[in-house]
Amino acid sequence: VQLIDEVNGFHLWSERYDRQLVDVFAIQDEIAHKVVQSLEVTLSPAESSALRKPATLDIQAYDCYMRGRKFYYEYSPRAVQFAIQMFARSIELDPNYAQAYAGLADCWSYTYLYSDRSEAIRAQADWASLKASELDSGSAQALASRGLSLALSGRNEDADRAFDAAIRIAPDLFEAHYFYARHCFALGRLDRAVAQYEGAIRARPEDYQSPLLVAQSYDVLGRHADAAMARKKGSAWRSATWF
């Protein structure tokens, strides 16, 4: 692991870790503290607590969660069904794993948006997102998922608050920016949608959806050159993902 100043290329810190997979949470904690020390950053009490409290202690639950996210990012009905299976298995292994419930909520929200507009599916997304936020009220992932579910329910002010809270906790969380951007676009808040799409692109540069979607807002706002560049970037990433 290396920490390098992106401005001048100066090497700040590096360390080699040779451990068993079961030690992954301890390694993450150690790396996080090393980075904080190297940057001479002072953490808030909430940030310090987050470092001490992993989302789950079950390595298999964590593995299933990560597999679920990988499937989810493929943005296809088939892949989302696989993601649901992975998140459900993660919850079986750790019933208190808030992020796994958030992943499940995201999948059902996706299903509601793209393939099944039934009230039953929306209710499932609402239940899972509420469960995630109840299990860990300080989880940005849970708040982002809750925001999306609230938006689908037409509770726009509550959705705004959930998204804003998620971004305050984790400014680089892709889902918080991406879901918020789609919410703002649907309400005609194009300037705010653009800002959130741009945040999503920074958080996950390999995602192809955000550049393609922000291009729509750029065009409406008269930023046609930006729209063309965004479509080019999104199309390139989509081709790389599919092929």
Protein backbone atom coordinates (compact mmCIF):
# COMPACT_ATOMS: atom_id res chain seq x y z
CA VAL A 1 0.00 0.00 0.00
CA GLN A 2 1.36 3.40 -0.97
CA LEU A 3 0.28 6.93 -0.13
CA ILE A 4 1.49 9.46 -2.69
CA ASP A 5 0.84 13.20 -2.95
CA GLU A 6 -0.95 13.57 -6.29
CA VAL A 7 0.22 17.19 -6.67
CA ASN A 8 3.98 16.64 -6.54
CA GLY A 9 4.31 12.86 -6.61
CA PHE A 10 6.02 12.83 -3.22
CA HIS A 11 5.99 9.44 -1.54
CA LEU A 12 4.38 9.89 1.90
CA TRP A 13 4.10 6.35 3.21
CA SER A 14 4.12 2.69 2.15
CA GLU A 15 3.71 -0.66 3.82
CA ARG A 16 3.55 -4.29 2.74
CA TYR A 17 0.89 -6.56 4.26
CA ASP A 18 1.23 -10.34 4.09
CA ARG A 19 -1.69 -11.77 6.05
CA GLN A 20 -4.49 -14.30 5.87
CA LEU A 21 -7.82 -13.19 4.38
CA VAL A 22 -9.45 -13.55 7.80
CA ASP A 23 -7.35 -10.56 8.92
CA VAL A 24 -8.84 -8.22 6.27
CA PHE A 25 -10.73 -6.05 8.80
CA ALA A 26 -7.68 -5.61 11.00
CA ILE A 27 -5.63 -4.70 7.93
CA GLN A 28 -8.20 -2.11 6.84
CA ASP A 29 -8.19 -0.58 10.31
CA GLU A 30 -4.39 -0.50 10.42
CA ILE A 31 -4.13 1.08 6.96
CA ALA A 32 -6.74 3.72 7.82
CA HIS A 33 -4.87 4.74 10.97
CA LYS A 34 -1.53 4.81 9.14
CA VAL A 35 -2.97 7.12 6.47
CA VAL A 36 -4.49 9.40 9.12
CA GLN A 37 -1.13 9.61 10.91
CA SER A 38 0.77 10.28 7.69
CA LEU A 39 -1.57 13.08 6.68
CA GLU A 40 -1.57 14.49 10.24
CA VAL A 41 -5.35 14.58 10.14
CA THR A 42 -7.43 15.08 13.27
CA LEU A 43 -10.50 12.88 13.25
CA SER A 44 -13.84 13.84 14.72
CA PRO A 45 -15.30 11.54 17.42
CA ALA A 46 -17.71 10.08 14.86
CA GLU A 47 -14.87 9.39 12.40
CA SER A 48 -12.76 7.77 15.10
CA SER A 49 -15.70 5.60 16.10
CA ALA A 50 -16.25 4.56 12.48
CA LEU A 51 -12.64 3.36 12.23
CA ARG A 52 -13.04 1.29 15.38
CA LYS A 53 -16.36 -0.24 14.32
CA PRO A 54 -16.28 -2.37 11.14
CA ALA A 55 -19.61 -2.85 9.38
CA THR A 56 -19.37 -6.61 9.97
CA LEU A 57 -16.95 -9.02 11.57
CA ASP A 58 -18.04 -11.94 9.38
CA ILE A 59 -15.61 -12.31 6.47
CA GLN A 60 -18.06 -14.40 4.45
CA ALA A 61 -20.81 -11.81 4.90
CA TYR A 62 -18.37 -9.12 3.76
CA ASP A 63 -17.36 -11.21 0.74
CA CYS A 64 -21.00 -11.73 -0.27
CA TYR A 65 -21.66 -8.01 0.14
CA MET A 66 -18.75 -7.08 -2.12
CA ARG A 67 -19.86 -9.62 -4.73
CA GLY A 68 -23.34 -8.16 -4.55
CA ARG A 69 -22.05 -4.64 -5.21
CA LYS A 70 -20.05 -5.90 -8.18
CA PHE A 71 -23.16 -7.44 -9.71
CA TYR A 72 -25.22 -4.34 -8.92
CA TYR A 73 -22.81 -2.07 -10.79
CA GLU A 74 -23.44 -4.03 -13.99
CA TYR A 75 -26.88 -2.33 -14.14
CA SER A 76 -28.76 -5.18 -15.77
CA PRO A 77 -31.87 -7.03 -14.52
CA ARG A 78 -30.04 -10.36 -14.54
CA ALA A 79 -27.04 -9.00 -12.62
CA VAL A 80 -29.32 -7.28 -10.09
CA GLN A 81 -31.01 -10.63 -9.39
CA PHE A 82 -27.59 -12.11 -8.66
CA ALA A 83 -26.86 -9.11 -6.43
CA ILE A 84 -30.08 -9.72 -4.47
CA GLN A 85 -28.97 -13.29 -3.84
CA MET A 86 -25.57 -12.12 -2.61
CA PHE A 87 -26.99 -9.45 -0.30
CA ALA A 88 -29.59 -11.89 1.06
CA ARG A 89 -26.86 -14.44 1.79
CA SER A 90 -24.81 -11.72 3.49
CA ILE A 91 -27.76 -10.94 5.76
CA GLU A 92 -28.19 -14.64 6.57
CA LEU A 93 -24.57 -14.71 7.73
CA ASP A 94 -24.83 -11.43 9.67
CA PRO A 95 -28.43 -10.29 10.37
CA ASN A 96 -27.12 -6.97 11.73
CA TYR A 97 -25.12 -6.02 8.64
CA ALA A 98 -26.64 -2.63 7.74
CA GLN A 99 -24.79 -2.26 4.44
CA ALA A 100 -26.16 -5.58 3.18
CA TYR A 101 -29.70 -4.34 3.82
CA ALA A 102 -28.77 -1.12 1.99
CA GLY A 103 -27.57 -3.17 -0.97
CA LEU A 104 -30.81 -5.12 -0.98
CA ALA A 105 -32.77 -1.86 -0.92
CA ASP A 106 -30.79 -0.53 -3.88
CA CYS A 107 -31.58 -3.66 -5.88
CA TRP A 108 -35.29 -3.44 -5.20
CA SER A 109 -35.26 0.29 -5.99
CA TYR A 110 -33.55 -0.54 -9.29
CA THR A 111 -36.16 -3.22 -9.98
CA TYR A 112 -38.95 -0.75 -9.24
CA LEU A 113 -37.43 1.86 -11.55
CA TYR A 114 -36.70 -0.39 -14.52
CA SER A 115 -38.79 -3.55 -14.54
CA ASP A 116 -41.53 -3.85 -11.93
CA ARG A 117 -43.42 -0.75 -10.84
CA SER A 118 -45.52 -2.66 -8.34
CA GLU A 119 -46.20 -1.32 -4.87
CA ALA A 120 -44.88 -4.59 -3.41
CA ILE A 121 -41.40 -3.99 -4.85
CA ARG A 122 -41.34 -0.36 -3.70
CA ALA A 123 -42.41 -1.49 -0.24
CA GLN A 124 -39.56 -4.01 -0.13
CA ALA A 125 -37.07 -1.27 -0.98
CA ASP A 126 -38.58 0.93 1.71
CA TRP A 127 -38.41 -1.84 4.34
CA ALA A 128 -34.80 -2.78 3.56
CA SER A 129 -33.59 0.84 3.52
CA LEU A 130 -35.37 1.58 6.80
CA LYS A 131 -33.85 -1.55 8.35
CA ALA A 132 -30.37 -0.47 7.23
CA SER A 133 -30.74 3.00 8.73
CA GLU A 134 -32.15 1.56 11.97
CA LEU A 135 -29.21 -0.84 12.32
CA ASP A 136 -26.65 1.91 11.68
CA SER A 137 -27.98 5.46 11.69
CA GLY A 138 -24.47 6.77 11.00
CA SER A 139 -23.91 4.70 7.87
CA ALA A 140 -23.65 6.86 4.76
CA GLN A 141 -24.46 3.81 2.64
CA ALA A 142 -27.66 3.22 4.58
CA LEU A 143 -28.64 6.90 4.36
CA ALA A 144 -28.06 6.98 0.61
CA SER A 145 -30.23 3.91 0.11
CA ARG A 146 -32.86 5.39 2.38
CA GLY A 147 -32.80 8.60 0.38
CA LEU A 148 -33.45 6.72 -2.86
CA SER A 149 -36.35 4.81 -1.34
CA LEU A 150 -37.86 8.01 0.06
CA ALA A 151 -37.52 9.65 -3.35
CA LEU A 152 -39.39 6.76 -4.98
CA SER A 153 -42.13 7.23 -2.38
CA GLY A 154 -42.46 10.94 -3.26
CA ARG A 155 -41.12 12.06 0.12
CA ASN A 156 -38.79 14.57 -1.48
CA GLU A 157 -37.82 16.70 1.52
CA ASP A 158 -37.03 13.61 3.59
CA ALA A 159 -35.01 12.25 0.67
CA ASP A 160 -33.03 15.51 0.46
CA ARG A 161 -32.18 15.30 4.15
CA ALA A 162 -31.06 11.69 3.86
CA PHE A 163 -28.84 12.41 0.86
CA ASP A 164 -27.32 15.51 2.44
CA ALA A 165 -26.55 13.54 5.61
CA ALA A 166 -24.94 10.71 3.61
CA ILE A 167 -22.67 13.15 1.77
CA ARG A 168 -21.68 14.92 4.99
CA ILE A 169 -20.61 11.59 6.47
CA ALA A 170 -18.92 10.23 3.34
CA PRO A 171 -18.26 12.91 0.69
CA ASP A 172 -16.76 10.30 -1.67
CA LEU A 173 -19.60 7.76 -1.53
CA PHE A 174 -20.70 7.04 -5.09
CA GLU A 175 -24.27 5.97 -4.28
CA ALA A 176 -24.97 9.13 -2.28
CA HIS A 177 -24.08 11.39 -5.22
CA TYR A 178 -25.53 9.15 -7.92
CA PHE A 179 -28.92 8.59 -6.27
CA TYR A 180 -29.14 12.26 -5.29
CA ALA A 181 -28.37 13.32 -8.85
CA ARG A 182 -31.15 11.17 -10.28
CA HIS A 183 -33.54 12.52 -7.66
CA CYS A 184 -32.64 16.13 -8.51
CA PHE A 185 -32.94 15.49 -12.25
CA ALA A 186 -36.41 14.00 -11.81
CA LEU A 187 -37.48 17.15 -9.94
CA GLY A 188 -36.00 19.47 -12.58
CA ARG A 189 -33.17 20.72 -10.36
CA LEU A 190 -30.65 20.53 -13.16
CA ASP A 191 -27.82 22.56 -11.64
CA ARG A 192 -27.89 20.45 -8.49
CA ALA A 193 -28.21 17.26 -10.56
CA VAL A 194 -25.07 18.21 -12.50
CA ALA A 195 -23.13 18.86 -9.29
CA GLN A 196 -24.13 15.49 -7.88
CA TYR A 197 -23.40 13.59 -11.11
CA GLU A 198 -19.97 15.20 -11.16
CA GLY A 199 -19.48 14.07 -7.57
CA ALA A 200 -20.46 10.53 -8.57
CA ILE A 201 -17.94 10.59 -11.43
CA ARG A 202 -15.17 11.68 -9.07
CA ALA A 203 -16.14 8.97 -6.59
CA ARG A 204 -16.27 6.17 -9.16
CA PRO A 205 -14.52 7.18 -12.40
CA GLU A 206 -15.09 3.75 -13.97
CA ASP A 207 -18.89 4.09 -13.81
CA TYR A 208 -20.40 4.68 -17.25
CA GLN A 209 -23.92 5.65 -16.17
CA SER A 210 -23.06 8.97 -14.54
CA PRO A 211 -21.30 10.53 -17.59
CA LEU A 212 -24.10 9.44 -19.91
CA LEU A 213 -26.80 10.77 -17.62
CA VAL A 214 -25.12 14.07 -16.78
CA ALA A 215 -24.86 14.72 -20.51
CA GLN A 216 -28.65 15.15 -20.62
CA SER A 217 -28.50 17.93 -18.06
CA TYR A 218 -25.53 19.56 -19.77
CA ASP A 219 -27.50 19.73 -23.02
CA VAL A 220 -30.57 21.26 -21.37
CA LEU A 221 -28.33 23.83 -19.69
CA GLY A 222 -26.70 24.68 -23.02
CA ARG A 223 -23.34 23.12 -22.12
CA HIS A 224 -23.13 21.11 -25.34
CA ALA A 225 -19.35 20.72 -25.39
CA ASP A 226 -19.44 19.26 -21.87
CA ALA A 227 -22.28 16.97 -22.94
CA ALA A 228 -20.29 15.65 -25.89
CA MET A 229 -17.26 14.95 -23.72
CA ALA A 230 -19.37 13.20 -21.07
CA ARG A 231 -21.05 10.97 -23.68
CA LYS A 232 -17.69 10.08 -25.16
CA LYS A 233 -16.35 9.11 -21.75
CA GLY A 234 -19.46 7.16 -20.79
CA SER A 235 -19.58 5.29 -24.09
CA ALA A 236 -15.92 4.33 -23.79
CA TRP A 237 -16.41 2.94 -20.28
CA ARG A 238 -19.59 1.10 -21.29
CA SER A 239 -17.79 -0.56 -24.19
CA ALA A 240 -14.95 -1.57 -21.87
CA THR A 241 -17.45 -2.98 -19.37
CA TRP A 242 -19.46 -4.95 -21.91
CA PHE A 243 -16.59 -6.27 -23.96
